[in-house]
Amino acid sequence: MNSPHPLVSCLCLTRQRPLQLKRAIGSYISQTYRPLELLVLVRDDDPESKAVVLSYGRDDIRLIEFAGQPERSLGELRNLVISHSRGEYFCQWDDDDWYHNER
């Protein structure tokens, strides 16, 4: 079924904070707006965060894994995750913030 609303890509960069990531994913799941996708960018040396993302088993929550070396700036990491987004719009989805369900 096609939605009359544009897809919004929520972009989450995380590193070794699985509890905060679970809370951020919970906030994403509780959003009332649809359609959405959540892209979680995780370094290849962070198995806990990777396991959190994969544990949901949802097509709209996608793991984007990247090599930790060479080091990259925050801007480069944001550009990397944006390059994987499918949405017409995107928003930053910080792993350490709380989000209202109508964000």
N, C-alpha and C. Protein backbone atom coordinates (compact mmCIF):
# COMPACT_ATOMS: atom_id res chain seq x y z
N MET A 1 0.84 -1.18 0.00
CA MET A 1 0.00 0.00 0.00
C MET A 1 0.88 1.24 0.00
N ASN A 2 0.64 2.14 -0.90
CA ASN A 2 1.40 3.38 -0.98
C ASN A 2 0.86 4.40 0.00
N SER A 3 1.78 5.15 0.59
CA SER A 3 1.41 6.18 1.54
C SER A 3 1.31 7.52 0.82
N PRO A 4 0.37 8.37 1.23
CA PRO A 4 0.30 9.72 0.64
C PRO A 4 1.40 10.64 1.19
N HIS A 5 2.15 10.16 2.17
CA HIS A 5 3.19 10.97 2.82
C HIS A 5 4.57 10.55 2.33
N PRO A 6 5.52 11.48 2.29
CA PRO A 6 6.88 11.12 1.87
C PRO A 6 7.61 10.31 2.94
N LEU A 7 8.50 9.43 2.48
CA LEU A 7 9.35 8.66 3.39
C LEU A 7 10.34 9.60 4.07
N VAL A 8 10.47 9.45 5.38
CA VAL A 8 11.45 10.19 6.16
C VAL A 8 12.48 9.19 6.68
N SER A 9 13.74 9.49 6.42
CA SER A 9 14.85 8.66 6.91
C SER A 9 15.38 9.26 8.21
N CYS A 10 15.37 8.46 9.26
CA CYS A 10 15.92 8.87 10.55
C CYS A 10 17.33 8.30 10.65
N LEU A 11 18.31 9.14 10.89
CA LEU A 11 19.71 8.77 10.80
C LEU A 11 20.35 8.76 12.19
N CYS A 12 20.80 7.58 12.61
CA CYS A 12 21.35 7.42 13.95
C CYS A 12 22.80 6.94 13.86
N LEU A 13 23.70 7.72 14.42
CA LEU A 13 25.10 7.33 14.55
C LEU A 13 25.31 6.92 16.00
N THR A 14 25.91 5.76 16.20
CA THR A 14 26.08 5.27 17.57
C THR A 14 27.41 4.57 17.69
N ARG A 15 27.89 4.48 18.91
CA ARG A 15 29.12 3.72 19.17
C ARG A 15 29.16 3.28 20.61
N GLN A 16 29.05 1.98 20.81
CA GLN A 16 29.22 1.33 22.10
C GLN A 16 28.33 1.91 23.20
N ARG A 17 27.07 2.17 22.85
CA ARG A 17 26.09 2.62 23.82
C ARG A 17 24.79 1.86 23.59
N PRO A 18 24.79 0.54 23.78
CA PRO A 18 23.63 -0.27 23.43
C PRO A 18 22.36 0.09 24.20
N LEU A 19 22.47 0.49 25.45
CA LEU A 19 21.27 0.85 26.20
C LEU A 19 20.62 2.11 25.65
N GLN A 20 21.42 3.12 25.34
CA GLN A 20 20.88 4.33 24.75
C GLN A 20 20.30 4.03 23.37
N LEU A 21 20.96 3.16 22.61
CA LEU A 21 20.47 2.80 21.28
C LEU A 21 19.11 2.12 21.38
N LYS A 22 18.93 1.23 22.34
CA LYS A 22 17.62 0.58 22.52
C LYS A 22 16.54 1.61 22.79
N ARG A 23 16.85 2.60 23.63
CA ARG A 23 15.86 3.65 23.93
C ARG A 23 15.54 4.46 22.69
N ALA A 24 16.57 4.79 21.90
CA ALA A 24 16.36 5.57 20.67
C ALA A 24 15.51 4.78 19.67
N ILE A 25 15.77 3.49 19.55
CA ILE A 25 14.96 2.66 18.65
C ILE A 25 13.53 2.56 19.16
N GLY A 26 13.36 2.46 20.47
CA GLY A 26 12.01 2.47 21.04
C GLY A 26 11.26 3.74 20.71
N SER A 27 11.94 4.89 20.76
CA SER A 27 11.31 6.16 20.38
C SER A 27 10.95 6.16 18.91
N TYR A 28 11.81 5.59 18.08
CA TYR A 28 11.51 5.49 16.65
C TYR A 28 10.27 4.63 16.42
N ILE A 29 10.21 3.49 17.05
CA ILE A 29 9.09 2.56 16.86
C ILE A 29 7.77 3.20 17.29
N SER A 30 7.81 4.07 18.29
CA SER A 30 6.57 4.68 18.79
C SER A 30 6.10 5.88 17.98
N GLN A 31 6.82 6.25 16.92
CA GLN A 31 6.42 7.40 16.11
C GLN A 31 5.07 7.16 15.43
N THR A 32 4.25 8.18 15.37
CA THR A 32 2.94 8.06 14.74
C THR A 32 2.99 8.35 13.25
N TYR A 33 4.00 9.07 12.79
CA TYR A 33 4.13 9.39 11.37
C TYR A 33 4.63 8.15 10.62
N ARG A 34 4.09 7.92 9.47
CA ARG A 34 4.57 6.87 8.57
C ARG A 34 4.47 7.40 7.15
N PRO A 35 5.35 7.04 6.26
CA PRO A 35 6.38 6.02 6.37
C PRO A 35 7.70 6.57 6.89
N LEU A 36 8.42 5.72 7.61
CA LEU A 36 9.71 6.05 8.19
C LEU A 36 10.69 4.91 7.95
N GLU A 37 11.95 5.25 8.01
CA GLU A 37 13.00 4.24 8.09
C GLU A 37 14.03 4.76 9.08
N LEU A 38 14.66 3.84 9.80
CA LEU A 38 15.74 4.19 10.72
C LEU A 38 17.01 3.53 10.22
N LEU A 39 18.03 4.33 9.97
CA LEU A 39 19.33 3.83 9.56
C LEU A 39 20.28 4.03 10.72
N VAL A 40 20.89 2.95 11.19
CA VAL A 40 21.79 3.02 12.33
C VAL A 40 23.20 2.73 11.83
N LEU A 41 24.07 3.72 11.95
CA LEU A 41 25.44 3.60 11.51
C LEU A 41 26.29 3.10 12.67
N VAL A 42 26.96 1.95 12.46
CA VAL A 42 27.71 1.28 13.52
C VAL A 42 29.10 0.91 13.00
N ARG A 43 30.13 1.17 13.81
CA ARG A 43 31.49 0.74 13.44
C ARG A 43 31.58 -0.77 13.47
N ASP A 44 32.47 -1.30 12.66
CA ASP A 44 32.64 -2.75 12.57
C ASP A 44 33.20 -3.37 13.85
N ASP A 45 33.72 -2.57 14.77
CA ASP A 45 34.25 -3.08 16.04
C ASP A 45 33.26 -2.88 17.20
N ASP A 46 31.98 -2.82 16.91
CA ASP A 46 30.94 -2.59 17.92
C ASP A 46 29.86 -3.67 17.82
N PRO A 47 30.17 -4.89 18.25
CA PRO A 47 29.20 -5.99 18.10
C PRO A 47 27.93 -5.82 18.94
N GLU A 48 28.01 -5.13 20.08
CA GLU A 48 26.81 -4.95 20.91
C GLU A 48 25.77 -4.09 20.20
N SER A 49 26.21 -2.99 19.61
CA SER A 49 25.26 -2.13 18.90
C SER A 49 24.69 -2.84 17.68
N LYS A 50 25.53 -3.56 16.98
CA LYS A 50 25.07 -4.33 15.82
C LYS A 50 24.01 -5.33 16.25
N ALA A 51 24.24 -6.03 17.35
CA ALA A 51 23.27 -7.01 17.84
C ALA A 51 21.94 -6.36 18.23
N VAL A 52 22.01 -5.17 18.81
CA VAL A 52 20.77 -4.46 19.18
C VAL A 52 19.95 -4.20 17.93
N VAL A 53 20.57 -3.64 16.90
CA VAL A 53 19.84 -3.31 15.68
C VAL A 53 19.23 -4.57 15.06
N LEU A 54 20.02 -5.62 14.94
CA LEU A 54 19.55 -6.84 14.30
C LEU A 54 18.48 -7.56 15.11
N SER A 55 18.46 -7.34 16.42
CA SER A 55 17.48 -8.03 17.27
C SER A 55 16.04 -7.63 16.97
N TYR A 56 15.83 -6.48 16.36
CA TYR A 56 14.47 -6.03 16.05
C TYR A 56 13.90 -6.74 14.83
N GLY A 57 14.76 -7.17 13.93
CA GLY A 57 14.30 -7.92 12.76
C GLY A 57 13.26 -7.19 11.92
N ARG A 58 13.43 -5.90 11.77
CA ARG A 58 12.47 -5.09 11.02
C ARG A 58 13.12 -4.55 9.75
N ASP A 59 12.36 -4.56 8.67
CA ASP A 59 12.87 -4.04 7.40
C ASP A 59 13.06 -2.53 7.42
N ASP A 60 12.32 -1.83 8.28
CA ASP A 60 12.44 -0.37 8.33
C ASP A 60 13.55 0.10 9.27
N ILE A 61 14.22 -0.83 9.94
CA ILE A 61 15.37 -0.50 10.78
C ILE A 61 16.58 -1.18 10.15
N ARG A 62 17.45 -0.35 9.58
CA ARG A 62 18.57 -0.90 8.80
C ARG A 62 19.91 -0.59 9.46
N LEU A 63 20.74 -1.61 9.52
CA LEU A 63 22.10 -1.49 10.02
C LEU A 63 23.01 -1.08 8.86
N ILE A 64 23.79 -0.03 9.07
CA ILE A 64 24.82 0.39 8.12
C ILE A 64 26.13 0.25 8.88
N GLU A 65 26.94 -0.72 8.48
CA GLU A 65 28.20 -0.98 9.16
C GLU A 65 29.34 -0.37 8.35
N PHE A 66 30.35 0.19 9.06
CA PHE A 66 31.47 0.79 8.36
C PHE A 66 32.77 0.45 9.09
N ALA A 67 33.87 0.47 8.35
CA ALA A 67 35.19 0.20 8.92
C ALA A 67 35.62 1.37 9.79
N GLY A 68 36.11 1.05 10.97
CA GLY A 68 36.53 2.09 11.92
C GLY A 68 37.82 2.80 11.53
N GLN A 69 38.57 2.19 10.65
CA GLN A 69 39.82 2.80 10.20
C GLN A 69 39.76 3.04 8.70
N PRO A 70 40.16 4.13 8.19
CA PRO A 70 40.71 5.27 8.92
C PRO A 70 39.62 6.02 9.69
N GLU A 71 40.04 6.79 10.68
CA GLU A 71 39.10 7.61 11.44
C GLU A 71 38.40 8.59 10.49
N ARG A 72 37.13 8.85 10.78
CA ARG A 72 36.35 9.79 9.96
C ARG A 72 35.73 10.85 10.85
N SER A 73 35.52 12.01 10.29
CA SER A 73 34.90 13.09 11.04
C SER A 73 33.40 12.83 11.17
N LEU A 74 32.76 13.53 12.09
CA LEU A 74 31.32 13.41 12.26
C LEU A 74 30.59 13.75 10.97
N GLY A 75 31.03 14.77 10.29
CA GLY A 75 30.42 15.16 9.01
C GLY A 75 30.53 14.05 7.98
N GLU A 76 31.70 13.41 7.90
CA GLU A 76 31.88 12.30 6.96
C GLU A 76 30.96 11.13 7.30
N LEU A 77 30.79 10.86 8.59
CA LEU A 77 29.90 9.77 9.00
C LEU A 77 28.45 10.09 8.68
N ARG A 78 28.06 11.32 8.89
CA ARG A 78 26.69 11.72 8.53
C ARG A 78 26.46 11.61 7.03
N ASN A 79 27.43 12.03 6.25
CA ASN A 79 27.31 11.90 4.80
C ASN A 79 27.22 10.43 4.38
N LEU A 80 27.96 9.58 5.06
CA LEU A 80 27.92 8.15 4.76
C LEU A 80 26.53 7.58 4.99
N VAL A 81 25.94 7.87 6.13
CA VAL A 81 24.61 7.32 6.41
C VAL A 81 23.55 7.96 5.50
N ILE A 82 23.69 9.23 5.18
CA ILE A 82 22.76 9.88 4.26
C ILE A 82 22.81 9.19 2.90
N SER A 83 23.98 8.76 2.48
CA SER A 83 24.10 8.11 1.17
C SER A 83 23.33 6.79 1.10
N HIS A 84 22.99 6.22 2.24
CA HIS A 84 22.21 4.98 2.28
C HIS A 84 20.72 5.21 2.48
N SER A 85 20.34 6.46 2.73
CA SER A 85 18.93 6.74 3.02
C SER A 85 18.10 6.69 1.74
N ARG A 86 16.84 6.34 1.92
CA ARG A 86 15.91 6.25 0.80
C ARG A 86 14.84 7.34 0.85
N GLY A 87 14.82 8.08 1.94
CA GLY A 87 13.75 9.05 2.17
C GLY A 87 13.87 10.31 1.35
N GLU A 88 12.74 10.95 1.19
CA GLU A 88 12.70 12.26 0.56
C GLU A 88 13.24 13.32 1.52
N TYR A 89 13.05 13.07 2.80
CA TYR A 89 13.54 13.93 3.87
C TYR A 89 14.31 13.06 4.85
N PHE A 90 15.19 13.69 5.63
CA PHE A 90 15.87 12.96 6.67
C PHE A 90 16.02 13.84 7.90
N CYS A 91 16.21 13.17 9.05
CA CYS A 91 16.43 13.88 10.30
C CYS A 91 17.47 13.11 11.10
N GLN A 92 18.21 13.85 11.92
CA GLN A 92 19.19 13.24 12.81
C GLN A 92 18.44 12.58 13.96
N TRP A 93 18.82 11.36 14.32
CA TRP A 93 18.18 10.59 15.38
C TRP A 93 19.26 10.19 16.38
N ASP A 94 19.58 11.09 17.31
CA ASP A 94 20.67 10.83 18.25
C ASP A 94 20.32 9.69 19.19
N ASP A 95 21.32 8.87 19.50
CA ASP A 95 21.08 7.72 20.36
C ASP A 95 20.92 8.10 21.83
N ASP A 96 21.27 9.32 22.20
CA ASP A 96 21.19 9.72 23.60
C ASP A 96 20.10 10.75 23.88
N ASP A 97 19.16 10.89 22.95
CA ASP A 97 18.05 11.84 23.13
C ASP A 97 16.72 11.10 23.24
N TRP A 98 15.77 11.77 23.87
CA TRP A 98 14.39 11.28 23.94
C TRP A 98 13.60 11.98 22.85
N TYR A 99 12.66 11.27 22.23
CA TYR A 99 11.87 11.86 21.15
C TYR A 99 10.39 11.64 21.41
N HIS A 100 9.63 12.70 21.26
CA HIS A 100 8.17 12.62 21.37
C HIS A 100 7.65 11.73 20.24
N ASN A 101 6.56 11.01 20.47
CA ASN A 101 6.06 10.07 19.46
C ASN A 101 5.46 10.77 18.24
N GLU A 102 5.34 12.08 18.26
CA GLU A 102 4.84 12.81 17.10
C GLU A 102 5.95 13.70 16.52
N ARG A 103 7.16 13.30 16.70
CA ARG A 103 8.28 14.09 16.17
C ARG A 103 8.16 14.19 14.68
